[in-house]
Amino acid sequence: MEEQTCCCHKTKERTEEEYKDLIHRLNRIEGQIRGIRGMVEKNAYCTDILTQVQAATAALNSFNKVLLANHIKTCVTRDIKEGKEETVDELVAVLQKLMK
């Protein structure tokens, strides 16, 4: 597979393993969100819902960590080797958004 650069308007071909891992994580998060919605619809107790929201938040944070690590190991590393220093600025901007 030929790898392309990452980002919104750009694309990146992922390995089958990376793709499956990311999709598995997203499916699990989607299930958690549906579960939270069901709890609200059934008038579950607030702290029980908040506990589930925290679990979904942790799963999203974990997804971000995996995706960011893959991005740095592939796209950022390749772009730096090719002299595309603007990729570092892009990475810094993304990290600043993630750390708000």
PDB file of N, CA and C in Angstrom:
ATOM      1  N   MET A   1       0.832  -1.188   0.000  1.00  0.00           N
ATOM      2  CA  MET A   1       0.000   0.000   0.000  1.00  0.00           C
ATOM      3  C   MET A   1       0.872   1.246   0.000  1.00  0.00           C
ATOM      4  N   GLU A   2       0.549   2.161  -0.895  1.00  0.00           N
ATOM      5  CA  GLU A   2       1.279   3.421  -0.906  1.00  0.00           C
ATOM      6  C   GLU A   2       0.672   4.335   0.144  1.00  0.00           C
ATOM      7  N   GLU A   3       1.528   4.923   0.932  1.00  0.00           N
ATOM      8  CA  GLU A   3       1.059   5.779   2.016  1.00  0.00           C
ATOM      9  C   GLU A   3       0.984   7.211   1.532  1.00  0.00           C
ATOM     10  N   GLN A   4      -0.081   7.898   1.899  1.00  0.00           N
ATOM     11  CA  GLN A   4      -0.254   9.292   1.549  1.00  0.00           C
ATOM     12  C   GLN A   4      -0.261  10.100   2.827  1.00  0.00           C
ATOM     13  N   THR A   5      -0.164  11.411   2.697  1.00  0.00           N
ATOM     14  CA  THR A   5      -0.117  12.247   3.893  1.00  0.00           C
ATOM     15  C   THR A   5      -1.449  12.277   4.607  1.00  0.00           C
ATOM     16  N   CYS A   6      -1.390  12.577   5.910  1.00  0.00           N
ATOM     17  CA  CYS A   6      -2.579  12.610   6.770  1.00  0.00           C
ATOM     18  C   CYS A   6      -3.187  14.001   6.800  1.00  0.00           C
ATOM     19  N   CYS A   7      -4.380  14.079   7.230  1.00  0.00           N
ATOM     20  CA  CYS A   7      -5.094  15.297   7.599  1.00  0.00           C
ATOM     21  C   CYS A   7      -6.456  15.333   6.945  1.00  0.00           C
ATOM     22  N   CYS A   8      -7.202  16.393   7.226  1.00  0.00           N
ATOM     23  CA  CYS A   8      -8.601  16.489   6.790  1.00  0.00           C
ATOM     24  C   CYS A   8      -8.747  16.409   5.271  1.00  0.00           C
ATOM     25  N   HIS A   9      -8.062  17.253   4.549  1.00  0.00           N
ATOM     26  CA  HIS A   9      -8.193  17.298   3.098  1.00  0.00           C
ATOM     27  C   HIS A   9      -7.239  16.329   2.412  1.00  0.00           C
ATOM     28  N   LYS A  10      -6.403  15.709   3.166  1.00  0.00           N
ATOM     29  CA  LYS A  10      -5.467  14.726   2.649  1.00  0.00           C
ATOM     30  C   LYS A  10      -6.001  13.344   2.996  1.00  0.00           C
ATOM     31  N   THR A  11      -5.375  12.323   2.479  1.00  0.00           N
ATOM     32  CA  THR A  11      -5.790  10.961   2.815  1.00  0.00           C
ATOM     33  C   THR A  11      -4.575  10.147   3.221  1.00  0.00           C
ATOM     34  N   LYS A  12      -4.840   9.006   3.845  1.00  0.00           N
ATOM     35  CA  LYS A  12      -3.767   8.106   4.247  1.00  0.00           C
ATOM     36  C   LYS A  12      -4.288   6.687   4.143  1.00  0.00           C
ATOM     37  N   GLU A  13      -3.559   5.846   3.460  1.00  0.00           N
ATOM     38  CA  GLU A  13      -3.905   4.440   3.426  1.00  0.00           C
ATOM     39  C   GLU A  13      -3.297   3.778   4.641  1.00  0.00           C
ATOM     40  N   ARG A  14      -4.143   3.087   5.393  1.00  0.00           N
ATOM     41  CA  ARG A  14      -3.694   2.430   6.618  1.00  0.00           C
ATOM     42  C   ARG A  14      -3.493   0.945   6.362  1.00  0.00           C
ATOM     43  N   THR A  15      -2.646   0.347   7.182  1.00  0.00           N
ATOM     44  CA  THR A  15      -2.501  -1.105   7.099  1.00  0.00           C
ATOM     45  C   THR A  15      -3.817  -1.736   7.524  1.00  0.00           C
ATOM     46  N   GLU A  16      -4.034  -2.967   7.141  1.00  0.00           N
ATOM     47  CA  GLU A  16      -5.251  -3.678   7.523  1.00  0.00           C
ATOM     48  C   GLU A  16      -5.373  -3.765   9.036  1.00  0.00           C
ATOM     49  N   GLU A  17      -4.255  -4.003   9.713  1.00  0.00           N
ATOM     50  CA  GLU A  17      -4.252  -4.096  11.182  1.00  0.00           C
ATOM     51  C   GLU A  17      -4.646  -2.764  11.822  1.00  0.00           C
ATOM     52  N   GLU A  18      -4.051  -1.673  11.346  1.00  0.00           N
ATOM     53  CA  GLU A  18      -4.368  -0.354  11.887  1.00  0.00           C
ATOM     54  C   GLU A  18      -5.836  -0.021  11.648  1.00  0.00           C
ATOM     55  N   TYR A  19      -6.312  -0.281  10.440  1.00  0.00           N
ATOM     56  CA  TYR A  19      -7.700  -0.011  10.082  1.00  0.00           C
ATOM     57  C   TYR A  19      -8.653  -0.782  10.999  1.00  0.00           C
ATOM     58  N   LYS A  20      -8.420  -2.077  11.147  1.00  0.00           N
ATOM     59  CA  LYS A  20      -9.295  -2.907  11.975  1.00  0.00           C
ATOM     60  C   LYS A  20      -9.290  -2.440  13.429  1.00  0.00           C
ATOM     61  N   ASP A  21      -8.131  -2.078  13.947  1.00  0.00           N
ATOM     62  CA  ASP A  21      -8.037  -1.609  15.330  1.00  0.00           C
ATOM     63  C   ASP A  21      -8.836  -0.326  15.521  1.00  0.00           C
ATOM     64  N   LEU A  22      -8.674   0.625  14.623  1.00  0.00           N
ATOM     65  CA  LEU A  22      -9.384   1.902  14.747  1.00  0.00           C
ATOM     66  C   LEU A  22     -10.897   1.707  14.635  1.00  0.00           C
ATOM     67  N   ILE A  23     -11.323   0.901  13.676  1.00  0.00           N
ATOM     68  CA  ILE A  23     -12.753   0.649  13.493  1.00  0.00           C
ATOM     69  C   ILE A  23     -13.323  -0.079  14.710  1.00  0.00           C
ATOM     70  N   HIS A  24     -12.587  -1.045  15.252  1.00  0.00           N
ATOM     71  CA  HIS A  24     -13.033  -1.770  16.453  1.00  0.00           C
ATOM     72  C   HIS A  24     -13.226  -0.792  17.614  1.00  0.00           C
ATOM     73  N   ARG A  25     -12.265   0.100  17.797  1.00  0.00           N
ATOM     74  CA  ARG A  25     -12.365   1.094  18.869  1.00  0.00           C
ATOM     75  C   ARG A  25     -13.577   2.003  18.661  1.00  0.00           C
ATOM     76  N   LEU A  26     -13.782   2.460  17.425  1.00  0.00           N
ATOM     77  CA  LEU A  26     -14.915   3.335  17.142  1.00  0.00           C
ATOM     78  C   LEU A  26     -16.251   2.615  17.340  1.00  0.00           C
ATOM     79  N   ASN A  27     -16.322   1.359  16.943  1.00  0.00           N
ATOM     80  CA  ASN A  27     -17.553   0.589  17.156  1.00  0.00           C
ATOM     81  C   ASN A  27     -17.872   0.460  18.641  1.00  0.00           C
ATOM     82  N   ARG A  28     -16.833   0.226  19.442  1.00  0.00           N
ATOM     83  CA  ARG A  28     -17.031   0.106  20.890  1.00  0.00           C
ATOM     84  C   ARG A  28     -17.504   1.443  21.473  1.00  0.00           C
ATOM     85  N   ILE A  29     -16.905   2.546  21.026  1.00  0.00           N
ATOM     86  CA  ILE A  29     -17.306   3.876  21.493  1.00  0.00           C
ATOM     87  C   ILE A  29     -18.753   4.169  21.073  1.00  0.00           C
ATOM     88  N   GLU A  30     -19.084   3.825  19.848  1.00  0.00           N
ATOM     89  CA  GLU A  30     -20.446   4.035  19.362  1.00  0.00           C
ATOM     90  C   GLU A  30     -21.445   3.260  20.228  1.00  0.00           C
ATOM     91  N   GLY A  31     -21.106   2.051  20.600  1.00  0.00           N
ATOM     92  CA  GLY A  31     -21.956   1.260  21.479  1.00  0.00           C
ATOM     93  C   GLY A  31     -22.107   1.895  22.852  1.00  0.00           C
ATOM     94  N   GLN A  32     -21.011   2.435  23.364  1.00  0.00           N
ATOM     95  CA  GLN A  32     -21.073   3.117  24.662  1.00  0.00           C
ATOM     96  C   GLN A  32     -22.005   4.323  24.597  1.00  0.00           C
ATOM     97  N   ILE A  33     -21.928   5.093  23.519  1.00  0.00           N
ATOM     98  CA  ILE A  33     -22.774   6.273  23.365  1.00  0.00           C
ATOM     99  C   ILE A  33     -24.245   5.862  23.262  1.00  0.00           C
ATOM    100  N   ARG A  34     -24.520   4.807  22.503  1.00  0.00           N
ATOM    101  CA  ARG A  34     -25.897   4.315  22.428  1.00  0.00           C
ATOM    102  C   ARG A  34     -26.387   3.870  23.803  1.00  0.00           C
ATOM    103  N   GLY A  35     -25.503   3.246  24.577  1.00  0.00           N
ATOM    104  CA  GLY A  35     -25.857   2.825  25.930  1.00  0.00           C
ATOM    105  C   GLY A  35     -26.183   4.014  26.822  1.00  0.00           C
ATOM    106  N   ILE A  36     -25.405   5.073  26.696  1.00  0.00           N
ATOM    107  CA  ILE A  36     -25.657   6.294  27.478  1.00  0.00           C
ATOM    108  C   ILE A  36     -27.012   6.883  27.094  1.00  0.00           C
ATOM    109  N   ARG A  37     -27.278   6.926  25.807  1.00  0.00           N
ATOM    110  CA  ARG A  37     -28.573   7.440  25.346  1.00  0.00           C
ATOM    111  C   ARG A  37     -29.712   6.615  25.941  1.00  0.00           C
ATOM    112  N   GLY A  38     -29.549   5.309  25.936  1.00  0.00           N
ATOM    113  CA  GLY A  38     -30.564   4.427  26.512  1.00  0.00           C
ATOM    114  C   GLY A  38     -30.767   4.688  27.989  1.00  0.00           C
ATOM    115  N   MET A  39     -29.679   4.964  28.687  1.00  0.00           N
ATOM    116  CA  MET A  39     -29.783   5.272  30.114  1.00  0.00           C
ATOM    117  C   MET A  39     -30.586   6.554  30.333  1.00  0.00           C
ATOM    118  N   VAL A  40     -30.325   7.563  29.509  1.00  0.00           N
ATOM    119  CA  VAL A  40     -31.067   8.824  29.624  1.00  0.00           C
ATOM    120  C   VAL A  40     -32.544   8.572  29.326  1.00  0.00           C
ATOM    121  N   GLU A  41     -32.816   7.819  28.270  1.00  0.00           N
ATOM    122  CA  GLU A  41     -34.203   7.525  27.885  1.00  0.00           C
ATOM    123  C   GLU A  41     -34.948   6.763  28.990  1.00  0.00           C
ATOM    124  N   LYS A  42     -34.215   5.961  29.766  1.00  0.00           N
ATOM    125  CA  LYS A  42     -34.829   5.174  30.844  1.00  0.00           C
ATOM    126  C   LYS A  42     -34.742   5.879  32.200  1.00  0.00           C
ATOM    127  N   ASN A  43     -34.356   7.155  32.154  1.00  0.00           N
ATOM    128  CA  ASN A  43     -34.277   7.960  33.376  1.00  0.00           C
ATOM    129  C   ASN A  43     -33.331   7.367  34.422  1.00  0.00           C
ATOM    130  N   ALA A  44     -32.194   6.867  33.977  1.00  0.00           N
ATOM    131  CA  ALA A  44     -31.207   6.313  34.907  1.00  0.00           C
ATOM    132  C   ALA A  44     -30.685   7.415  35.838  1.00  0.00           C
ATOM    133  N   TYR A  45     -30.168   6.994  36.939  1.00  0.00           N
ATOM    134  CA  TYR A  45     -29.638   7.911  37.942  1.00  0.00           C
ATOM    135  C   TYR A  45     -28.428   8.658  37.373  1.00  0.00           C
ATOM    136  N   CYS A  46     -28.326   9.932  37.683  1.00  0.00           N
ATOM    137  CA  CYS A  46     -27.302  10.820  37.098  1.00  0.00           C
ATOM    138  C   CYS A  46     -25.881  10.272  37.245  1.00  0.00           C
ATOM    139  N   THR A  47     -25.510   9.841  38.443  1.00  0.00           N
ATOM    140  CA  THR A  47     -24.126   9.393  38.640  1.00  0.00           C
ATOM    141  C   THR A  47     -23.824   8.128  37.844  1.00  0.00           C
ATOM    142  N   ASP A  48     -24.836   7.295  37.615  1.00  0.00           N
ATOM    143  CA  ASP A  48     -24.627   6.114  36.775  1.00  0.00           C
ATOM    144  C   ASP A  48     -24.337   6.524  35.335  1.00  0.00           C
ATOM    145  N   ILE A  49     -25.070   7.524  34.856  1.00  0.00           N
ATOM    146  CA  ILE A  49     -24.833   8.028  33.501  1.00  0.00           C
ATOM    147  C   ILE A  49     -23.456   8.675  33.420  1.00  0.00           C
ATOM    148  N   LEU A  50     -23.115   9.476  34.410  1.00  0.00           N
ATOM    149  CA  LEU A  50     -21.808  10.144  34.418  1.00  0.00           C
ATOM    150  C   LEU A  50     -20.665   9.136  34.408  1.00  0.00           C
ATOM    151  N   THR A  51     -20.827   8.030  35.099  1.00  0.00           N
ATOM    152  CA  THR A  51     -19.806   6.978  35.094  1.00  0.00           C
ATOM    153  C   THR A  51     -19.615   6.417  33.693  1.00  0.00           C
ATOM    154  N   GLN A  52     -20.719   6.212  32.986  1.00  0.00           N
ATOM    155  CA  GLN A  52     -20.633   5.699  31.618  1.00  0.00           C
ATOM    156  C   GLN A  52     -20.059   6.733  30.651  1.00  0.00           C
ATOM    157  N   VAL A  53     -20.383   7.998  30.883  1.00  0.00           N
ATOM    158  CA  VAL A  53     -19.813   9.076  30.057  1.00  0.00           C
ATOM    159  C   VAL A  53     -18.293   9.109  30.242  1.00  0.00           C
ATOM    160  N   GLN A  54     -17.833   8.938  31.477  1.00  0.00           N
ATOM    161  CA  GLN A  54     -16.393   8.929  31.732  1.00  0.00           C
ATOM    162  C   GLN A  54     -15.722   7.764  31.003  1.00  0.00           C
ATOM    163  N   ALA A  55     -16.384   6.607  30.984  1.00  0.00           N
ATOM    164  CA  ALA A  55     -15.826   5.452  30.265  1.00  0.00           C
ATOM    165  C   ALA A  55     -15.732   5.738  28.765  1.00  0.00           C
ATOM    166  N   ALA A  56     -16.746   6.384  28.204  1.00  0.00           N
ATOM    167  CA  ALA A  56     -16.723   6.731  26.780  1.00  0.00           C
ATOM    168  C   ALA A  56     -15.648   7.769  26.494  1.00  0.00           C
ATOM    169  N   THR A  57     -15.501   8.724  27.394  1.00  0.00           N
ATOM    170  CA  THR A  57     -14.453   9.738  27.249  1.00  0.00           C
ATOM    171  C   THR A  57     -13.067   9.092  27.277  1.00  0.00           C
ATOM    172  N   ALA A  58     -12.863   8.160  28.178  1.00  0.00           N
ATOM    173  CA  ALA A  58     -11.580   7.448  28.259  1.00  0.00           C
ATOM    174  C   ALA A  58     -11.323   6.666  26.969  1.00  0.00           C
ATOM    175  N   ALA A  59     -12.363   6.053  26.421  1.00  0.00           N
ATOM    176  CA  ALA A  59     -12.213   5.306  25.168  1.00  0.00           C
ATOM    177  C   ALA A  59     -11.856   6.236  24.016  1.00  0.00           C
ATOM    178  N   LEU A  60     -12.464   7.425  23.959  1.00  0.00           N
ATOM    179  CA  LEU A  60     -12.106   8.404  22.924  1.00  0.00           C
ATOM    180  C   LEU A  60     -10.664   8.887  23.096  1.00  0.00           C
ATOM    181  N   ASN A  61     -10.257   9.119  24.342  1.00  0.00           N
ATOM    182  CA  ASN A  61      -8.875   9.537  24.595  1.00  0.00           C
ATOM    183  C   ASN A  61      -7.897   8.458  24.154  1.00  0.00           C
ATOM    184  N   SER A  62      -8.235   7.214  24.411  1.00  0.00           N
ATOM    185  CA  SER A  62      -7.388   6.099  23.991  1.00  0.00           C
ATOM    186  C   SER A  62      -7.307   6.025  22.463  1.00  0.00           C
ATOM    187  N   PHE A  63      -8.439   6.227  21.785  1.00  0.00           N
ATOM    188  CA  PHE A  63      -8.473   6.266  20.334  1.00  0.00           C
ATOM    189  C   PHE A  63      -7.539   7.362  19.817  1.00  0.00           C
ATOM    190  N   ASN A  64      -7.626   8.551  20.422  1.00  0.00           N
ATOM    191  CA  ASN A  64      -6.762   9.667  20.025  1.00  0.00           C
ATOM    192  C   ASN A  64      -5.289   9.325  20.183  1.00  0.00           C
ATOM    193  N   LYS A  65      -4.933   8.675  21.285  1.00  0.00           N
ATOM    194  CA  LYS A  65      -3.532   8.314  21.526  1.00  0.00           C
ATOM    195  C   LYS A  65      -3.016   7.366  20.459  1.00  0.00           C
ATOM    196  N   VAL A  66      -3.826   6.360  20.112  1.00  0.00           N
ATOM    197  CA  VAL A  66      -3.416   5.389  19.093  1.00  0.00           C
ATOM    198  C   VAL A  66      -3.279   6.073  17.739  1.00  0.00           C
ATOM    199  N   LEU A  67      -4.271   6.879  17.374  1.00  0.00           N
ATOM    200  CA  LEU A  67      -4.239   7.565  16.086  1.00  0.00           C
ATOM    201  C   LEU A  67      -3.070   8.544  16.007  1.00  0.00           C
ATOM    202  N   LEU A  68      -2.828   9.277  17.078  1.00  0.00           N
ATOM    203  CA  LEU A  68      -1.716  10.226  17.110  1.00  0.00           C
ATOM    204  C   LEU A  68      -0.366   9.514  16.994  1.00  0.00           C
ATOM    205  N   ALA A  69      -0.215   8.418  17.710  1.00  0.00           N
ATOM    206  CA  ALA A  69       1.038   7.657  17.628  1.00  0.00           C
ATOM    207  C   ALA A  69       1.264   7.151  16.211  1.00  0.00           C
ATOM    208  N   ASN A  70       0.218   6.620  15.584  1.00  0.00           N
ATOM    209  CA  ASN A  70       0.351   6.146  14.197  1.00  0.00           C
ATOM    210  C   ASN A  70       0.703   7.300  13.265  1.00  0.00           C
ATOM    211  N   HIS A  71       0.094   8.452  13.487  1.00  0.00           N
ATOM    212  CA  HIS A  71       0.367   9.623  12.654  1.00  0.00           C
ATOM    213  C   HIS A  71       1.828  10.049  12.766  1.00  0.00           C
ATOM    214  N   ILE A  72       2.334  10.096  13.988  1.00  0.00           N
ATOM    215  CA  ILE A  72       3.731  10.508  14.199  1.00  0.00           C
ATOM    216  C   ILE A  72       4.690   9.495  13.582  1.00  0.00           C
ATOM    217  N   LYS A  73       4.411   8.206  13.786  1.00  0.00           N
ATOM    218  CA  LYS A  73       5.304   7.158  13.283  1.00  0.00           C
ATOM    219  C   LYS A  73       5.324   7.078  11.765  1.00  0.00           C
ATOM    220  N   THR A  74       4.251   7.490  11.119  1.00  0.00           N
ATOM    221  CA  THR A  74       4.187   7.350   9.663  1.00  0.00           C
ATOM    222  C   THR A  74       4.274   8.706   8.969  1.00  0.00           C
ATOM    223  N   CYS A  75       3.194   9.451   9.003  1.00  0.00           N
ATOM    224  CA  CYS A  75       3.102  10.700   8.240  1.00  0.00           C
ATOM    225  C   CYS A  75       4.140  11.741   8.654  1.00  0.00           C
ATOM    226  N   VAL A  76       4.224  12.002   9.956  1.00  0.00           N
ATOM    227  CA  VAL A  76       5.141  13.045  10.426  1.00  0.00           C
ATOM    228  C   VAL A  76       6.589  12.661  10.141  1.00  0.00           C
ATOM    229  N   THR A  77       6.938  11.426  10.463  1.00  0.00           N
ATOM    230  CA  THR A  77       8.312  10.953  10.233  1.00  0.00           C
ATOM    231  C   THR A  77       8.683  11.053   8.757  1.00  0.00           C
ATOM    232  N   ARG A  78       7.777  10.604   7.890  1.00  0.00           N
ATOM    233  CA  ARG A  78       8.052  10.647   6.455  1.00  0.00           C
ATOM    234  C   ARG A  78       8.200  12.085   5.968  1.00  0.00           C
ATOM    235  N   ASP A  79       7.298  12.957   6.389  1.00  0.00           N
ATOM    236  CA  ASP A  79       7.349  14.351   5.932  1.00  0.00           C
ATOM    237  C   ASP A  79       8.615  15.050   6.402  1.00  0.00           C
ATOM    238  N   ILE A  80       9.042  14.784   7.622  1.00  0.00           N
ATOM    239  CA  ILE A  80      10.289  15.388   8.117  1.00  0.00           C
ATOM    240  C   ILE A  80      11.468  14.910   7.274  1.00  0.00           C
ATOM    241  N   LYS A  81      11.493  13.610   6.968  1.00  0.00           N
ATOM    242  CA  LYS A  81      12.581  13.074   6.128  1.00  0.00           C
ATOM    243  C   LYS A  81      12.579  13.711   4.746  1.00  0.00           C
ATOM    244  N   GLU A  82      11.383  14.089   4.262  1.00  0.00           N
ATOM    245  CA  GLU A  82      11.260  14.722   2.947  1.00  0.00           C
ATOM    246  C   GLU A  82      11.442  16.236   3.010  1.00  0.00           C
ATOM    247  N   GLY A  83      11.746  16.760   4.212  1.00  0.00           N
ATOM    248  CA  GLY A  83      11.985  18.187   4.360  1.00  0.00           C
ATOM    249  C   GLY A  83      10.740  19.038   4.488  1.00  0.00           C
ATOM    250  N   LYS A  84       9.594  18.428   4.720  1.00  0.00           N
ATOM    251  CA  LYS A  84       8.336  19.164   4.851  1.00  0.00           C
ATOM    252  C   LYS A  84       8.153  19.582   6.308  1.00  0.00           C
ATOM    253  N   GLU A  85       8.848  20.628   6.689  1.00  0.00           N
ATOM    254  CA  GLU A  85       8.837  21.061   8.080  1.00  0.00           C
ATOM    255  C   GLU A  85       7.492  21.627   8.529  1.00  0.00           C
ATOM    256  N   GLU A  86       6.624  22.001   7.588  1.00  0.00           N
ATOM    257  CA  GLU A  86       5.304  22.505   7.963  1.00  0.00           C
ATOM    258  C   GLU A  86       4.473  21.440   8.688  1.00  0.00           C
ATOM    259  N   THR A  87       4.845  20.185   8.496  1.00  0.00           N
ATOM    260  CA  THR A  87       4.156  19.091   9.193  1.00  0.00           C
ATOM    261  C   THR A  87       4.357  19.191  10.698  1.00  0.00           C
ATOM    262  N   VAL A  88       5.507  19.674  11.129  1.00  0.00           N
ATOM    263  CA  VAL A  88       5.750  19.858  12.561  1.00  0.00           C
ATOM    264  C   VAL A  88       4.817  20.925  13.106  1.00  0.00           C
ATOM    265  N   ASP A  89       4.639  22.019  12.376  1.00  0.00           N
ATOM    266  CA  ASP A  89       3.712  23.072  12.794  1.00  0.00           C
ATOM    267  C   ASP A  89       2.284  22.525  12.884  1.00  0.00           C
ATOM    268  N   GLU A  90       1.915  21.706  11.910  1.00  0.00           N
ATOM    269  CA  GLU A  90       0.593  21.082  11.900  1.00  0.00           C
ATOM    270  C   GLU A  90       0.416  20.180  13.126  1.00  0.00           C
ATOM    271  N   LEU A  91       1.452  19.411  13.449  1.00  0.00           N
ATOM    272  CA  LEU A  91       1.410  18.525  14.618  1.00  0.00           C
ATOM    273  C   LEU A  91       1.279  19.332  15.903  1.00  0.00           C
ATOM    274  N   VAL A  92       2.026  20.404  16.018  1.00  0.00           N
ATOM    275  CA  VAL A  92       1.952  21.265  17.211  1.00  0.00           C
ATOM    276  C   VAL A  92       0.539  21.824  17.361  1.00  0.00           C
ATOM    277  N   ALA A  93      -0.061  22.271  16.266  1.00  0.00           N
ATOM    278  CA  ALA A  93      -1.416  22.816  16.311  1.00  0.00           C
ATOM    279  C   ALA A  93      -2.422  21.758  16.757  1.00  0.00           C
ATOM    280  N   VAL A  94      -2.268  20.543  16.266  1.00  0.00           N
ATOM    281  CA  VAL A  94      -3.170  19.450  16.661  1.00  0.00           C
ATOM    282  C   VAL A  94      -2.988  19.137  18.147  1.00  0.00           C
ATOM    283  N   LEU A  95      -1.753  19.082  18.601  1.00  0.00           N
ATOM    284  CA  LEU A  95      -1.500  18.793  20.027  1.00  0.00           C
ATOM    285  C   LEU A  95      -2.091  19.873  20.917  1.00  0.00           C
ATOM    286  N   GLN A  96      -1.999  21.125  20.487  1.00  0.00           N
ATOM    287  CA  GLN A  96      -2.573  22.222  21.273  1.00  0.00           C
ATOM    288  C   GLN A  96      -4.092  22.082  21.362  1.00  0.00           C
ATOM    289  N   LYS A  97      -4.739  21.675  20.284  1.00  0.00           N
ATOM    290  CA  LYS A  97      -6.188  21.454  20.312  1.00  0.00           C
ATOM    291  C   LYS A  97      -6.546  20.292  21.240  1.00  0.00           C
ATOM    292  N   LEU A  98      -5.762  19.223  21.181  1.00  0.00           N
ATOM    293  CA  LEU A  98      -6.038  18.048  22.005  1.00  0.00           C
ATOM    294  C   LEU A  98      -5.853  18.320  23.485  1.00  0.00           C
ATOM    295  N   MET A  99      -5.018  19.281  23.830  1.00  0.00           N
ATOM    296  CA  MET A  99      -4.688  19.540  25.226  1.00  0.00           C
ATOM    297  C   MET A  99      -5.543  20.640  25.839  1.00  0.00           C
ATOM    298  N   LYS A 100      -6.557  21.115  25.150  1.00  0.00           N
ATOM    299  CA  LYS A 100      -7.428  22.159  25.716  1.00  0.00           C
ATOM    300  C   LYS A 100      -8.230  21.630  26.873  1.00  0.00           C
TER     301      LYS A 100
END
